[in-house]
C-alpha atoms as a PDB file:
ATOM      1  CA  MET A   1      78.695 -43.827  10.688  1.00  0.00           C
ATOM      2  CA  LYS A   2      75.824 -43.552   8.239  1.00  0.00           C
ATOM      3  CA  LYS A   3      74.613 -39.975   7.916  1.00  0.00           C
ATOM      4  CA  ILE A   4      71.056 -38.720   7.477  1.00  0.00           C
ATOM      5  CA  GLU A   5      70.130 -35.632   5.469  1.00  0.00           C
ATOM      6  CA  ILE A   6      68.032 -33.011   7.217  1.00  0.00           C
ATOM      7  CA  GLN A   7      65.023 -32.583   4.959  1.00  0.00           C
ATOM      8  CA  HIS A   8      65.042 -29.667   2.510  1.00  0.00           C
ATOM      9  CA  THR A   9      68.761 -29.088   3.197  1.00  0.00           C
ATOM     10  CA  ASP A  10      72.159 -30.424   2.241  1.00  0.00           C
ATOM     11  CA  LEU A  11      73.158 -30.932   5.885  1.00  0.00           C
ATOM     12  CA  GLN A  12      74.312 -34.454   6.677  1.00  0.00           C
ATOM     13  CA  ILE A  13      74.075 -35.580  10.311  1.00  0.00           C
ATOM     14  CA  ALA A  14      74.614 -38.689  12.391  1.00  0.00           C
ATOM     15  CA  PRO A  15      71.437 -39.857  14.216  1.00  0.00           C
ATOM     16  CA  LEU A  16      72.121 -38.290  17.636  1.00  0.00           C
ATOM     17  CA  ASN A  17      72.107 -34.563  18.381  1.00  0.00           C
ATOM     18  CA  PHE A  18      74.192 -33.487  21.399  1.00  0.00           C
ATOM     19  CA  GLY A  19      72.400 -31.003  23.650  1.00  0.00           C
ATOM     20  CA  GLY A  20      74.791 -28.282  24.777  1.00  0.00           C
ATOM     21  CA  ASN A  21      72.815 -27.015  27.770  1.00  0.00           C
ATOM     22  CA  VAL A  22      75.333 -28.772  30.059  1.00  0.00           C
ATOM     23  CA  PHE A  23      78.268 -26.690  28.790  1.00  0.00           C
ATOM     24  CA  GLY A  24      79.044 -23.979  31.312  1.00  0.00           C
ATOM     25  CA  TRP A  25      76.573 -25.469  33.752  1.00  0.00           C
ATOM     26  CA  THR A  26      77.281 -29.019  34.940  1.00  0.00           C
ATOM     27  CA  LEU A  27      80.440 -29.196  32.817  1.00  0.00           C
ATOM     28  CA  ASP A  28      83.233 -26.653  32.873  1.00  0.00           C
ATOM     29  CA  GLU A  29      85.273 -25.834  29.774  1.00  0.00           C
ATOM     30  CA  PRO A  30      87.860 -28.668  29.979  1.00  0.00           C
ATOM     31  CA  GLN A  31      85.142 -31.222  30.774  1.00  0.00           C
ATOM     32  CA  SER A  32      83.026 -29.913  27.882  1.00  0.00           C
ATOM     33  CA  PHE A  33      85.967 -30.264  25.490  1.00  0.00           C
ATOM     34  CA  GLU A  34      86.471 -33.857  26.618  1.00  0.00           C
ATOM     35  CA  ILE A  35      82.807 -34.768  26.093  1.00  0.00           C
ATOM     36  CA  LEU A  36      82.741 -33.086  22.681  1.00  0.00           C
ATOM     37  CA  ASP A  37      85.903 -34.906  21.628  1.00  0.00           C
ATOM     38  CA  GLN A  38      84.365 -38.237  22.610  1.00  0.00           C
ATOM     39  CA  PHE A  39      81.095 -37.433  20.835  1.00  0.00           C
ATOM     40  CA  VAL A  40      82.843 -36.551  17.585  1.00  0.00           C
ATOM     41  CA  GLY A  41      85.318 -39.390  17.999  1.00  0.00           C
ATOM     42  CA  ALA A  42      82.414 -41.829  17.920  1.00  0.00           C
ATOM     43  CA  GLY A  43      81.305 -40.510  14.517  1.00  0.00           C
ATOM     44  CA  PHE A  44      78.698 -37.920  15.518  1.00  0.00           C
ATOM     45  CA  ASN A  45      78.671 -34.357  14.191  1.00  0.00           C
ATOM     46  CA  PHE A  46      75.497 -32.521  15.257  1.00  0.00           C
ATOM     47  CA  ILE A  47      75.585 -30.095  18.216  1.00  0.00           C
ATOM     48  CA  ASP A  48      72.590 -28.192  19.568  1.00  0.00           C
ATOM     49  CA  THR A  49      72.777 -25.137  21.800  1.00  0.00           C
ATOM     50  CA  ALA A  50      70.993 -21.823  22.405  1.00  0.00           C
ATOM     51  CA  ASP A  51      71.969 -18.219  22.976  1.00  0.00           C
ATOM     52  CA  THR A  52      70.572 -18.406  26.516  1.00  0.00           C
ATOM     53  CA  TYR A  53      72.370 -21.550  27.727  1.00  0.00           C
ATOM     54  CA  SER A  54      73.183 -21.460  30.626  1.00  0.00           C
ATOM     55  CA  TRP A  55      71.255 -18.364  31.716  1.00  0.00           C
ATOM     56  CA  TRP A  56      70.307 -20.044  35.004  1.00  0.00           C
ATOM     57  CA  VAL A  57      73.953 -19.678  36.046  1.00  0.00           C
ATOM     58  CA  ASN A  58      74.418 -15.953  35.413  1.00  0.00           C
ATOM     59  CA  GLY A  59      70.972 -14.717  34.342  1.00  0.00           C
ATOM     60  CA  ILE A  60      72.182 -13.973  30.817  1.00  0.00           C
ATOM     61  CA  GLY A  61      73.496 -17.067  29.057  1.00  0.00           C
ATOM     62  CA  GLY A  62      76.009 -17.475  26.269  1.00  0.00           C
ATOM     63  CA  GLN A  63      78.386 -19.798  28.119  1.00  0.00           C
ATOM     64  CA  SER A  64      77.478 -22.842  26.022  1.00  0.00           C
ATOM     65  CA  GLU A  65      78.028 -21.063  22.716  1.00  0.00           C
ATOM     66  CA  GLU A  66      81.344 -19.661  23.943  1.00  0.00           C
ATOM     67  CA  ILE A  67      82.621 -23.090  24.981  1.00  0.00           C
ATOM     68  CA  ILE A  68      81.533 -24.671  21.697  1.00  0.00           C
ATOM     69  CA  GLY A  69      83.205 -21.821  19.825  1.00  0.00           C
ATOM     70  CA  LYS A  70      86.498 -22.276  21.660  1.00  0.00           C
ATOM     71  CA  TRP A  71      86.345 -26.019  21.034  1.00  0.00           C
ATOM     72  CA  LEU A  72      85.663 -25.557  17.310  1.00  0.00           C
ATOM     73  CA  LYS A  73      88.607 -23.178  17.024  1.00  0.00           C
ATOM     74  CA  SER A  74      90.980 -25.404  18.956  1.00  0.00           C
ATOM     75  CA  ARG A  75      90.056 -28.515  16.967  1.00  0.00           C
ATOM     76  CA  GLY A  76      89.845 -26.812  13.571  1.00  0.00           C
ATOM     77  CA  ASN A  77      86.842 -28.936  12.620  1.00  0.00           C
ATOM     78  CA  ARG A  78      84.115 -26.392  11.880  1.00  0.00           C
ATOM     79  CA  GLN A  79      83.641 -27.756   8.355  1.00  0.00           C
ATOM     80  CA  ASP A  80      82.864 -31.223   9.741  1.00  0.00           C
ATOM     81  CA  MET A  81      80.213 -30.085  12.217  1.00  0.00           C
ATOM     82  CA  VAL A  82      76.544 -29.133  11.993  1.00  0.00           C
ATOM     83  CA  ILE A  83      75.887 -26.402  14.558  1.00  0.00           C
ATOM     84  CA  ALA A  84      72.387 -25.459  15.685  1.00  0.00           C
ATOM     85  CA  THR A  85      71.532 -22.624  18.027  1.00  0.00           C
ATOM     86  CA  LYS A  86      68.384 -20.756  18.996  1.00  0.00           C
ATOM     87  CA  VAL A  87      66.865 -17.338  19.567  1.00  0.00           C
ATOM     88  CA  GLY A  88      63.839 -15.995  21.423  1.00  0.00           C
ATOM     89  CA  SER A  89      64.120 -17.493  24.886  1.00  0.00           C
ATOM     90  CA  GLU A  90      63.595 -15.567  28.111  1.00  0.00           C
ATOM     91  CA  THR A  91      66.357 -14.392  30.464  1.00  0.00           C
ATOM     92  CA  GLN A  92      66.561 -12.025  33.396  1.00  0.00           C
ATOM     93  CA  GLU A  93      67.456  -9.310  30.885  1.00  0.00           C
ATOM     94  CA  HIS A  94      64.509  -9.756  28.538  1.00  0.00           C
ATOM     95  CA  GLY A  95      61.343 -11.755  27.962  1.00  0.00           C
ATOM     96  CA  TYR A  96      60.527 -14.026  25.056  1.00  0.00           C
ATOM     97  CA  ASP A  97      61.306 -12.087  21.904  1.00  0.00           C
ATOM     98  CA  ILE A  98      61.218 -13.052  18.227  1.00  0.00           C
ATOM     99  CA  SER A  99      61.032  -9.539  16.845  1.00  0.00           C
ATOM    100  CA  LYS A 100      63.217  -8.747  13.854  1.00  0.00           C
ATOM    101  CA  LYS A 101      65.395  -6.391  15.886  1.00  0.00           C
ATOM    102  CA  HIS A 102      66.068  -9.000  18.555  1.00  0.00           C
ATOM    103  CA  ILE A 103      66.729 -11.815  16.076  1.00  0.00           C
ATOM    104  CA  LEU A 104      69.240  -9.807  14.026  1.00  0.00           C
ATOM    105  CA  LYS A 105      71.169  -8.713  17.111  1.00  0.00           C
ATOM    106  CA  SER A 106      71.028 -12.160  18.718  1.00  0.00           C
ATOM    107  CA  ALA A 107      72.289 -13.861  15.574  1.00  0.00           C
ATOM    108  CA  ASP A 108      75.339 -11.598  15.478  1.00  0.00           C
ATOM    109  CA  ASP A 109      75.957 -12.245  19.177  1.00  0.00           C
ATOM    110  CA  SER A 110      75.708 -16.007  18.649  1.00  0.00           C
ATOM    111  CA  LEU A 111      78.065 -15.893  15.676  1.00  0.00           C
ATOM    112  CA  ARG A 112      80.596 -13.966  17.752  1.00  0.00           C
ATOM    113  CA  ARG A 113      80.416 -16.378  20.687  1.00  0.00           C
ATOM    114  CA  LEU A 114      80.590 -19.423  18.429  1.00  0.00           C
ATOM    115  CA  GLY A 115      83.447 -17.899  16.444  1.00  0.00           C
ATOM    116  CA  VAL A 116      81.871 -18.931  13.135  1.00  0.00           C
ATOM    117  CA  ASP A 117      80.702 -17.093  10.035  1.00  0.00           C
ATOM    118  CA  HIS A 118      77.404 -18.939   9.754  1.00  0.00           C
ATOM    119  CA  ILE A 119      74.898 -20.962  11.787  1.00  0.00           C
ATOM    120  CA  ASP A 120      73.780 -24.164  10.087  1.00  0.00           C
ATOM    121  CA  LEU A 121      70.376 -24.434  11.757  1.00  0.00           C
ATOM    122  CA  TYR A 122      68.813 -21.459  13.569  1.00  0.00           C
ATOM    123  CA  TYR A 123      65.774 -22.111  15.744  1.00  0.00           C
ATOM    124  CA  THR A 124      62.885 -20.043  16.916  1.00  0.00           C
ATOM    125  CA  HIS A 125      63.332 -21.238  20.507  1.00  0.00           C
ATOM    126  CA  PHE A 126      60.178 -19.829  22.091  1.00  0.00           C
ATOM    127  CA  ASP A 127      57.286 -17.830  20.700  1.00  0.00           C
ATOM    128  CA  ASP A 128      56.580 -14.393  22.162  1.00  0.00           C
ATOM    129  CA  LYS A 129      53.058 -14.804  20.727  1.00  0.00           C
ATOM    130  CA  VAL A 130      52.869 -11.166  19.645  1.00  0.00           C
ATOM    131  CA  THR A 131      55.402 -10.684  16.844  1.00  0.00           C
ATOM    132  CA  PRO A 132      53.776 -11.277  13.435  1.00  0.00           C
ATOM    133  CA  VAL A 133      55.175 -14.433  11.875  1.00  0.00           C
ATOM    134  CA  GLU A 134      56.001 -12.418   8.750  1.00  0.00           C
ATOM    135  CA  GLU A 135      58.332 -10.200  10.793  1.00  0.00           C
ATOM    136  CA  THR A 136      60.133 -13.176  12.303  1.00  0.00           C
ATOM    137  CA  LEU A 137      60.558 -14.873   8.951  1.00  0.00           C
ATOM    138  CA  SER A 138      61.734 -11.650   7.298  1.00  0.00           C
ATOM    139  CA  ALA A 139      64.519 -11.461   9.878  1.00  0.00           C
ATOM    140  CA  TYR A 140      65.569 -14.984   8.983  1.00  0.00           C
ATOM    141  CA  ASP A 141      65.361 -14.099   5.294  1.00  0.00           C
ATOM    142  CA  GLU A 142      67.804 -11.242   5.862  1.00  0.00           C
ATOM    143  CA  LEU A 143      70.195 -13.498   7.789  1.00  0.00           C
ATOM    144  CA  ILE A 144      70.069 -16.224   5.139  1.00  0.00           C
ATOM    145  CA  LYS A 145      70.696 -13.745   2.319  1.00  0.00           C
ATOM    146  CA  ALA A 146      73.634 -12.349   4.270  1.00  0.00           C
ATOM    147  CA  GLY A 147      75.101 -15.845   4.616  1.00  0.00           C
ATOM    148  CA  LYS A 148      74.866 -15.777   8.402  1.00  0.00           C
ATOM    149  CA  VAL A 149      72.272 -18.572   8.654  1.00  0.00           C
ATOM    150  CA  ARG A 150      71.784 -21.534   6.353  1.00  0.00           C
ATOM    151  CA  TYR A 151      68.419 -22.959   7.446  1.00  0.00           C
ATOM    152  CA  ILE A 152      65.759 -22.281  10.077  1.00  0.00           C
ATOM    153  CA  ALA A 153      63.820 -24.534  12.423  1.00  0.00           C
ATOM    154  CA  ALA A 154      61.179 -24.287  15.152  1.00  0.00           C
ATOM    155  CA  SER A 155      60.837 -25.313  18.777  1.00  0.00           C
ATOM    156  CA  ASN A 156      58.011 -24.550  21.216  1.00  0.00           C
ATOM    157  CA  LEU A 157      55.758 -22.966  18.601  1.00  0.00           C
ATOM    158  CA  SER A 158      52.084 -23.824  18.877  1.00  0.00           C
ATOM    159  CA  PRO A 159      50.607 -25.808  15.976  1.00  0.00           C
ATOM    160  CA  THR A 160      48.604 -22.719  15.019  1.00  0.00           C
ATOM    161  CA  ARG A 161      51.645 -20.458  14.822  1.00  0.00           C
ATOM    162  CA  LEU A 162      53.586 -23.143  12.970  1.00  0.00           C
ATOM    163  CA  ILE A 163      50.856 -23.338  10.327  1.00  0.00           C
ATOM    164  CA  GLU A 164      50.708 -19.531  10.129  1.00  0.00           C
ATOM    165  CA  SER A 165      54.465 -19.462   9.569  1.00  0.00           C
ATOM    166  CA  PHE A 166      54.285 -21.871   6.650  1.00  0.00           C
ATOM    167  CA  ASP A 167      51.342 -20.006   5.129  1.00  0.00           C
ATOM    168  CA  ALA A 168      53.172 -16.690   5.439  1.00  0.00           C
ATOM    169  CA  ALA A 169      56.368 -18.147   3.989  1.00  0.00           C
ATOM    170  CA  GLU A 170      54.493 -19.549   1.004  1.00  0.00           C
ATOM    171  CA  LYS A 171      52.567 -16.324   0.392  1.00  0.00           C
ATOM    172  CA  ASN A 172      55.500 -13.943   0.777  1.00  0.00           C
ATOM    173  CA  GLY A 173      58.411 -15.981  -0.538  1.00  0.00           C
ATOM    174  CA  LEU A 174      60.038 -16.174   2.891  1.00  0.00           C
ATOM    175  CA  PRO A 175      62.160 -19.003   4.348  1.00  0.00           C
ATOM    176  CA  LYS A 176      60.389 -22.090   5.658  1.00  0.00           C
ATOM    177  CA  TYR A 177      61.253 -24.090   8.744  1.00  0.00           C
ATOM    178  CA  VAL A 178      62.989 -27.352   7.836  1.00  0.00           C
ATOM    179  CA  ALA A 179      62.888 -29.028  11.246  1.00  0.00           C
ATOM    180  CA  LEU A 180      60.971 -29.232  14.501  1.00  0.00           C
ATOM    181  CA  GLN A 181      62.351 -29.691  18.005  1.00  0.00           C
ATOM    182  CA  PRO A 182      59.455 -31.018  20.129  1.00  0.00           C
ATOM    183  CA  HIS A 183      59.161 -32.400  23.645  1.00  0.00           C
ATOM    184  CA  TYR A 184      58.799 -36.112  22.967  1.00  0.00           C
ATOM    185  CA  ASN A 185      59.752 -39.323  24.755  1.00  0.00           C
ATOM    186  CA  LEU A 186      58.207 -42.493  26.195  1.00  0.00           C
ATOM    187  CA  VAL A 187      56.414 -40.623  28.987  1.00  0.00           C
ATOM    188  CA  GLU A 188      55.557 -37.520  26.922  1.00  0.00           C
ATOM    189  CA  ARG A 189      53.834 -38.755  23.795  1.00  0.00           C
ATOM    190  CA  SER A 190      50.412 -37.191  23.385  1.00  0.00           C
ATOM    191  CA  GLY A 191      51.388 -33.611  22.545  1.00  0.00           C
ATOM    192  CA  PHE A 192      53.682 -34.512  19.664  1.00  0.00           C
ATOM    193  CA  GLU A 193      51.682 -37.431  18.310  1.00  0.00           C
ATOM    194  CA  ALA A 194      48.321 -35.635  18.337  1.00  0.00           C
ATOM    195  CA  ASP A 195      49.267 -32.053  17.514  1.00  0.00           C
ATOM    196  CA  TYR A 196      52.581 -32.043  15.681  1.00  0.00           C
ATOM    197  CA  ALA A 197      53.039 -35.355  13.877  1.00  0.00           C
ATOM    198  CA  PRO A 198      50.430 -34.451  11.211  1.00  0.00           C
ATOM    199  CA  LEU A 199      52.255 -31.165  10.567  1.00  0.00           C
ATOM    200  CA  VAL A 200      55.614 -32.919  10.399  1.00  0.00           C
ATOM    201  CA  GLU A 201      54.218 -35.150   7.660  1.00  0.00           C
ATOM    202  CA  LYS A 202      52.460 -32.298   5.868  1.00  0.00           C
ATOM    203  CA  TYR A 203      55.517 -30.040   5.710  1.00  0.00           C
ATOM    204  CA  GLY A 204      58.212 -32.725   5.525  1.00  0.00           C
ATOM    205  CA  LEU A 205      60.043 -31.676   8.670  1.00  0.00           C
ATOM    206  CA  SER A 206      62.988 -33.408  10.269  1.00  0.00           C
ATOM    207  CA  VAL A 207      62.373 -33.997  13.985  1.00  0.00           C
ATOM    208  CA  PHE A 208      64.869 -33.632  16.824  1.00  0.00           C
ATOM    209  CA  PRO A 209      63.095 -34.358  20.138  1.00  0.00           C
ATOM    210  CA  TYR A 210      64.376 -32.665  23.272  1.00  0.00           C
ATOM    211  CA  TRP A 211      64.259 -34.273  26.732  1.00  0.00           C
ATOM    212  CA  SER A 212      64.497 -37.602  24.925  1.00  0.00           C
ATOM    213  CA  LEU A 213      65.184 -39.337  28.248  1.00  0.00           C
ATOM    214  CA  ALA A 214      62.674 -37.251  30.232  1.00  0.00           C
ATOM    215  CA  ALA A 215      65.446 -35.382  32.063  1.00  0.00           C
ATOM    216  CA  GLY A 216      66.910 -38.677  33.253  1.00  0.00           C
ATOM    217  CA  PHE A 217      63.737 -40.471  34.295  1.00  0.00           C
ATOM    218  CA  LEU A 218      64.087 -42.988  31.447  1.00  0.00           C
ATOM    219  CA  THR A 219      67.619 -43.924  32.495  1.00  0.00           C
ATOM    220  CA  GLY A 220      66.082 -46.012  35.270  1.00  0.00           C
ATOM    221  CA  LYS A 221      68.012 -44.341  38.081  1.00  0.00           C
ATOM    222  CA  TYR A 222      64.829 -43.181  39.829  1.00  0.00           C
ATOM    223  CA  ARG A 223      63.331 -46.174  41.621  1.00  0.00           C
ATOM    224  CA  THR A 224      61.913 -44.802  44.875  1.00  0.00           C
ATOM    225  CA  GLU A 225      60.282 -41.591  46.026  1.00  0.00           C
ATOM    226  CA  ALA A 226      63.491 -40.717  47.848  1.00  0.00           C
ATOM    227  CA  ASP A 227      65.539 -40.869  44.643  1.00  0.00           C
ATOM    228  CA  PHE A 228      63.848 -37.744  43.351  1.00  0.00           C
ATOM    229  CA  ASP A 229      64.995 -35.719  46.349  1.00  0.00           C
ATOM    230  CA  ASN A 230      68.669 -36.448  45.707  1.00  0.00           C
ATOM    231  CA  THR A 231      69.049 -34.594  42.399  1.00  0.00           C
ATOM    232  CA  THR A 232      68.426 -31.086  41.095  1.00  0.00           C
ATOM    233  CA  ARG A 233      66.107 -32.439  38.395  1.00  0.00           C
ATOM    234  CA  GLY A 234      64.140 -34.725  40.679  1.00  0.00           C
ATOM    235  CA  GLY A 235      61.384 -32.288  41.499  1.00  0.00           C
ATOM    236  CA  GLY A 236      60.606 -31.650  37.851  1.00  0.00           C
ATOM    237  CA  ILE A 237      60.263 -35.287  36.860  1.00  0.00           C
ATOM    238  CA  LYS A 238      58.671 -36.801  39.955  1.00  0.00           C
ATOM    239  CA  LYS A 239      55.352 -36.469  38.139  1.00  0.00           C
ATOM    240  CA  TYR A 240      56.388 -39.368  35.901  1.00  0.00           C
ATOM    241  CA  PHE A 241      56.614 -41.762  38.831  1.00  0.00           C
ATOM    242  CA  ASP A 242      52.981 -42.846  38.481  1.00  0.00           C
ATOM    243  CA  ASN A 243      51.523 -46.160  37.360  1.00  0.00           C
ATOM    244  CA  LYS A 244      52.333 -45.458  33.712  1.00  0.00           C
ATOM    245  CA  GLY A 245      55.855 -44.340  34.497  1.00  0.00           C
ATOM    246  CA  LYS A 246      56.524 -47.381  36.632  1.00  0.00           C
ATOM    247  CA  ALA A 247      55.200 -49.619  33.839  1.00  0.00           C
ATOM    248  CA  VAL A 248      57.509 -47.915  31.359  1.00  0.00           C
ATOM    249  CA  LEU A 249      60.494 -48.464  33.657  1.00  0.00           C
ATOM    250  CA  LYS A 250      59.576 -52.124  34.078  1.00  0.00           C
ATOM    251  CA  ALA A 251      59.368 -52.581  30.305  1.00  0.00           C
ATOM    252  CA  LEU A 252      62.692 -50.802  29.820  1.00  0.00           C
ATOM    253  CA  ASP A 253      64.274 -53.095  32.407  1.00  0.00           C
ATOM    254  CA  SER A 254      62.980 -56.176  30.627  1.00  0.00           C
ATOM    255  CA  ILE A 255      64.062 -55.105  27.139  1.00  0.00           C
ATOM    256  CA  ALA A 256      67.426 -53.798  28.347  1.00  0.00           C
ATOM    257  CA  ASP A 257      68.131 -57.132  30.011  1.00  0.00           C
ATOM    258  CA  LYS A 258      67.072 -59.001  26.880  1.00  0.00           C
ATOM    259  CA  HIS A 259      69.520 -57.066  24.684  1.00  0.00           C
ATOM    260  CA  GLY A 260      72.262 -56.589  27.264  1.00  0.00           C
ATOM    261  CA  VAL A 261      72.099 -52.787  27.168  1.00  0.00           C
ATOM    262  CA  GLN A 262      71.094 -49.921  29.446  1.00  0.00           C
ATOM    263  CA  GLN A 263      67.547 -48.583  29.844  1.00  0.00           C
ATOM    264  CA  ALA A 264      68.485 -45.246  28.285  1.00  0.00           C
ATOM    265  CA  THR A 265      69.734 -47.041  25.181  1.00  0.00           C
ATOM    266  CA  VAL A 266      66.360 -48.739  24.790  1.00  0.00           C
ATOM    267  CA  ALA A 267      64.423 -45.500  25.307  1.00  0.00           C
ATOM    268  CA  LEU A 268      66.447 -43.783  22.582  1.00  0.00           C
ATOM    269  CA  ALA A 269      66.198 -46.792  20.257  1.00  0.00           C
ATOM    270  CA  TRP A 270      62.403 -46.601  20.610  1.00  0.00           C
ATOM    271  CA  LEU A 271      62.516 -42.990  19.428  1.00  0.00           C
ATOM    272  CA  LEU A 272      64.839 -43.848  16.547  1.00  0.00           C
ATOM    273  CA  ALA A 273      62.468 -46.600  15.448  1.00  0.00           C
ATOM    274  CA  LYS A 274      59.747 -43.990  14.916  1.00  0.00           C
ATOM    275  CA  PRO A 275      59.547 -43.086  11.211  1.00  0.00           C
ATOM    276  CA  LEU A 276      59.132 -39.369  11.908  1.00  0.00           C
ATOM    277  CA  ILE A 277      62.112 -39.058  14.252  1.00  0.00           C
ATOM    278  CA  THR A 278      65.429 -37.972  12.749  1.00  0.00           C
ATOM    279  CA  ALA A 279      67.897 -37.517  15.624  1.00  0.00           C
ATOM    280  CA  PRO A 280      66.984 -37.289  19.326  1.00  0.00           C
ATOM    281  CA  ILE A 281      68.767 -34.661  21.390  1.00  0.00           C
ATOM    282  CA  VAL A 282      70.919 -36.286  24.056  1.00  0.00           C
ATOM    283  CA  SER A 283      73.232 -35.028  26.744  1.00  0.00           C
ATOM    284  CA  ALA A 284      75.890 -36.531  28.975  1.00  0.00           C
ATOM    285  CA  THR A 285      78.419 -35.526  31.579  1.00  0.00           C
ATOM    286  CA  SER A 286      80.619 -38.643  31.586  1.00  0.00           C
ATOM    287  CA  ALA A 287      82.186 -41.168  29.234  1.00  0.00           C
ATOM    288  CA  SER A 288      79.999 -43.967  30.591  1.00  0.00           C
ATOM    289  CA  GLN A 289      76.841 -41.984  29.897  1.00  0.00           C
ATOM    290  CA  LEU A 290      78.050 -41.308  26.365  1.00  0.00           C
ATOM    291  CA  GLU A 291      78.634 -44.993  25.703  1.00  0.00           C
ATOM    292  CA  THR A 292      75.051 -45.713  26.725  1.00  0.00           C
ATOM    293  CA  LEU A 293      73.821 -43.127  24.236  1.00  0.00           C
ATOM    294  CA  PHE A 294      76.161 -44.242  21.446  1.00  0.00           C
ATOM    295  CA  ALA A 295      74.656 -47.736  21.580  1.00  0.00           C
ATOM    296  CA  ALA A 296      71.165 -46.532  20.628  1.00  0.00           C
ATOM    297  CA  PRO A 297      71.547 -46.144  16.837  1.00  0.00           C
ATOM    298  CA  THR A 298      72.791 -49.712  16.496  1.00  0.00           C
ATOM    299  CA  LEU A 299      70.177 -51.306  18.764  1.00  0.00           C
ATOM    300  CA  LYS A 300      67.396 -52.722  16.621  1.00  0.00           C
ATOM    301  CA  LEU A 301      64.310 -53.328  18.724  1.00  0.00           C
ATOM    302  CA  ASP A 302      62.095 -56.143  17.483  1.00  0.00           C
ATOM    303  CA  THR A 303      58.348 -55.893  16.972  1.00  0.00           C
ATOM    304  CA  GLU A 304      57.642 -57.374  20.392  1.00  0.00           C
ATOM    305  CA  ASP A 305      59.853 -54.767  22.084  1.00  0.00           C
ATOM    306  CA  ILE A 306      58.210 -51.860  20.291  1.00  0.00           C
ATOM    307  CA  GLN A 307      54.701 -53.137  20.899  1.00  0.00           C
ATOM    308  CA  LEU A 308      55.400 -53.502  24.612  1.00  0.00           C
ATOM    309  CA  LEU A 309      56.820 -49.974  24.899  1.00  0.00           C
ATOM    310  CA  ASN A 310      53.961 -48.540  22.851  1.00  0.00           C
ATOM    311  CA  GLU A 311      51.403 -50.256  25.065  1.00  0.00           C
ATOM    312  CA  VAL A 312      52.795 -49.253  28.463  1.00  0.00           C
ATOM    313  CA  SER A 313      53.518 -45.661  27.423  1.00  0.00           C
ATOM    314  CA  LYS A 314      50.242 -44.753  25.748  1.00  0.00           C
END
């Protein structure tokens, strides 16, 4: 499969990024290994996790990194993979924290759980909004110089703090973020397009959207009010079942039927057709779901398809 280079790095990735929040949550260790084997077997190599996944199970997290680490060791394929993890999120043990002390400790903990000597892409997961950006970046500088982290990226930083980070990096010779992980999909467009897209262009960032399928809404499995009550994620995405959301689903149905694919494939292909998008984050718990995702990079939507999706989702 054709690889893409993450900007300002030498990291080569296939155009889908597997989201590891399901490991240790909806998938146990053997199931996680099976999904990872299928993902890599299809030519993909980019895995995303966080130090706090899946904290909602035990209040602490770390399960996802541990499972990925055991899988990497058992398969002996660390050199073929691009591994991203994150720091700064909240758990029952601590609040949001991107202080230097917390970052340095968390990085060592992540390295231990992953069983690796370096993290390819290390994200600021959430902003505590109090730590000076210079302090955060100096922690990353120390980790990079020690060979523990290769590159850094940002998720859930405000545009203001993102700009401050780049200004501080330029002024003080500190590392710069190379990628952004925003919330972006067909029913969540305005925040990224208005506030972040100009910064992505200005700083030349690669973009890896999370919730690419709106937590399952864009798969088309939610068709009635009752459908949202039958799943753990239903309550959080019921808000999308308005006139715009229904129009998006109708358009996805039409285009999916036209190309003989699933709705989720179309939704991901729309993201991949966006010039600023590098590799959407996807997740799956079954082989059939994976096949739907794998079809997205090869689905080429025509102008009519893209115009329709743009119109109904604006």
